[in-house]
Amino acid sequence: MEEKTIVITDENGNAVEFEIILTFQDPKSKKNYVVYKDPESVEEVMAAEYVEEEDGQGTLLDIETDEEFEMIQEVLNTFTEED
């Protein structure tokens, strides 16, 4: 399986590469999400809303509500059960 990565610029301006676990679109809100992790960490998994810009780049937005977080957790649980 091909590993997909995302490069995020941290608060110090450093480019940090993360491994993408999964991406999906919520059918209700039509928002796109990315679930990712530091390849060196086994435990920590992060998630964000992904908004693609016209230039092909993207912006990550924080998860804003408990409902959003719970929905992402359910999708991730389903994904890992299938894996």
C-alpha atoms as a PDB file:
ATOM      1  CA  MET A   1       0.000   0.000   0.000  1.00  0.00           C
ATOM      2  CA  GLU A   2       1.339   3.412  -0.978  1.00  0.00           C
ATOM      3  CA  GLU A   3       1.926   5.748   1.957  1.00  0.00           C
ATOM      4  CA  LYS A   4       0.442   9.189   1.558  1.00  0.00           C
ATOM      5  CA  THR A   5       1.849  12.165   3.379  1.00  0.00           C
ATOM      6  CA  ILE A   6       0.949  15.733   4.167  1.00  0.00           C
ATOM      7  CA  VAL A   7       3.419  18.517   4.908  1.00  0.00           C
ATOM      8  CA  ILE A   8       2.344  20.995   7.570  1.00  0.00           C
ATOM      9  CA  THR A   9       4.169  24.183   8.463  1.00  0.00           C
ATOM     10  CA  ASP A  10       4.421  24.473  12.240  1.00  0.00           C
ATOM     11  CA  GLU A  11       4.284  27.656  14.343  1.00  0.00           C
ATOM     12  CA  ASN A  12       8.069  28.103  13.879  1.00  0.00           C
ATOM     13  CA  GLY A  13       7.859  27.936  10.087  1.00  0.00           C
ATOM     14  CA  ASN A  14       9.295  24.415   9.877  1.00  0.00           C
ATOM     15  CA  ALA A  15       7.843  21.975   7.350  1.00  0.00           C
ATOM     16  CA  VAL A  16       6.838  18.759   9.122  1.00  0.00           C
ATOM     17  CA  GLU A  17       5.761  15.634   7.243  1.00  0.00           C
ATOM     18  CA  PHE A  18       2.878  13.529   8.587  1.00  0.00           C
ATOM     19  CA  GLU A  19       1.432  10.213   7.424  1.00  0.00           C
ATOM     20  CA  ILE A  20      -2.169  10.387   6.194  1.00  0.00           C
ATOM     21  CA  ILE A  21      -4.311   7.655   7.722  1.00  0.00           C
ATOM     22  CA  LEU A  22      -7.470   8.506   5.825  1.00  0.00           C
ATOM     23  CA  THR A  23      -9.392  11.261   4.098  1.00  0.00           C
ATOM     24  CA  PHE A  24     -13.145  11.471   3.707  1.00  0.00           C
ATOM     25  CA  GLN A  25     -16.058  13.810   3.059  1.00  0.00           C
ATOM     26  CA  ASP A  26     -18.938  14.034   5.513  1.00  0.00           C
ATOM     27  CA  PRO A  27     -22.107  13.455   3.456  1.00  0.00           C
ATOM     28  CA  LYS A  28     -24.189  15.806   5.608  1.00  0.00           C
ATOM     29  CA  SER A  29     -21.917  18.847   5.813  1.00  0.00           C
ATOM     30  CA  LYS A  30     -19.924  18.175   2.604  1.00  0.00           C
ATOM     31  CA  LYS A  31     -16.779  19.081   4.577  1.00  0.00           C
ATOM     32  CA  ASN A  32     -13.566  17.218   3.777  1.00  0.00           C
ATOM     33  CA  TYR A  33     -11.468  15.785   6.588  1.00  0.00           C
ATOM     34  CA  VAL A  34      -7.977  14.373   6.918  1.00  0.00           C
ATOM     35  CA  VAL A  35      -6.836  12.074   9.735  1.00  0.00           C
ATOM     36  CA  TYR A  36      -3.053  11.960  10.081  1.00  0.00           C
ATOM     37  CA  LYS A  37      -0.200  11.084  12.435  1.00  0.00           C
ATOM     38  CA  ASP A  38       3.478  11.630  13.032  1.00  0.00           C
ATOM     39  CA  PRO A  39       5.203   8.593  11.506  1.00  0.00           C
ATOM     40  CA  GLU A  40       7.385   8.339  14.612  1.00  0.00           C
ATOM     41  CA  SER A  41       4.389   8.215  16.982  1.00  0.00           C
ATOM     42  CA  VAL A  42       2.308   5.105  17.481  1.00  0.00           C
ATOM     43  CA  GLU A  43      -0.288   6.691  19.762  1.00  0.00           C
ATOM     44  CA  GLU A  44      -1.142  10.228  18.660  1.00  0.00           C
ATOM     45  CA  VAL A  45      -3.608  10.699  15.805  1.00  0.00           C
ATOM     46  CA  MET A  46      -4.740  14.134  14.643  1.00  0.00           C
ATOM     47  CA  ALA A  47      -7.647  15.285  12.502  1.00  0.00           C
ATOM     48  CA  ALA A  48      -8.582  18.473  10.720  1.00  0.00           C
ATOM     49  CA  GLU A  49     -11.003  19.840   8.188  1.00  0.00           C
ATOM     50  CA  TYR A  50      -9.285  20.182   4.810  1.00  0.00           C
ATOM     51  CA  VAL A  51     -10.154  23.051   2.478  1.00  0.00           C
ATOM     52  CA  GLU A  52      -8.537  22.931  -0.961  1.00  0.00           C
ATOM     53  CA  GLU A  53      -7.453  26.267  -2.406  1.00  0.00           C
ATOM     54  CA  GLU A  54      -7.608  27.253  -6.083  1.00  0.00           C
ATOM     55  CA  ASP A  55      -3.842  26.764  -6.474  1.00  0.00           C
ATOM     56  CA  GLY A  56      -4.107  23.097  -5.453  1.00  0.00           C
ATOM     57  CA  GLN A  57      -2.697  23.736  -2.008  1.00  0.00           C
ATOM     58  CA  GLY A  58      -4.841  23.248   1.052  1.00  0.00           C
ATOM     59  CA  THR A  59      -5.622  24.683   4.440  1.00  0.00           C
ATOM     60  CA  LEU A  60      -6.245  22.685   7.586  1.00  0.00           C
ATOM     61  CA  LEU A  61      -8.895  23.977   9.965  1.00  0.00           C
ATOM     62  CA  ASP A  62      -9.390  22.938  13.570  1.00  0.00           C
ATOM     63  CA  ILE A  63     -12.256  20.627  14.487  1.00  0.00           C
ATOM     64  CA  GLU A  64     -14.727  23.039  16.058  1.00  0.00           C
ATOM     65  CA  THR A  65     -17.437  20.970  17.729  1.00  0.00           C
ATOM     66  CA  ASP A  66     -17.786  17.838  19.831  1.00  0.00           C
ATOM     67  CA  GLU A  67     -20.220  16.501  17.225  1.00  0.00           C
ATOM     68  CA  GLU A  68     -17.600  16.868  14.494  1.00  0.00           C
ATOM     69  CA  PHE A  69     -14.976  15.177  16.650  1.00  0.00           C
ATOM     70  CA  GLU A  70     -17.316  12.277  17.488  1.00  0.00           C
ATOM     71  CA  MET A  71     -18.237  11.803  13.815  1.00  0.00           C
ATOM     72  CA  ILE A  72     -14.538  11.670  12.867  1.00  0.00           C
ATOM     73  CA  GLN A  73     -13.880   9.189  15.678  1.00  0.00           C
ATOM     74  CA  GLU A  74     -16.689   6.928  14.404  1.00  0.00           C
ATOM     75  CA  VAL A  75     -15.328   7.018  10.842  1.00  0.00           C
ATOM     76  CA  LEU A  76     -11.813   6.275  12.107  1.00  0.00           C
ATOM     77  CA  ASN A  77     -13.070   3.384  14.242  1.00  0.00           C
ATOM     78  CA  THR A  78     -14.901   1.895  11.249  1.00  0.00           C
ATOM     79  CA  PHE A  79     -11.802   2.331   9.074  1.00  0.00           C
ATOM     80  CA  THR A  80      -9.486   0.642  11.586  1.00  0.00           C
ATOM     81  CA  GLU A  81     -11.938  -2.248  12.126  1.00  0.00           C
ATOM     82  CA  GLU A  82     -11.913  -2.932   8.375  1.00  0.00           C
ATOM     83  CA  ASP A  83      -8.102  -2.780   8.191  1.00  0.00           C
END
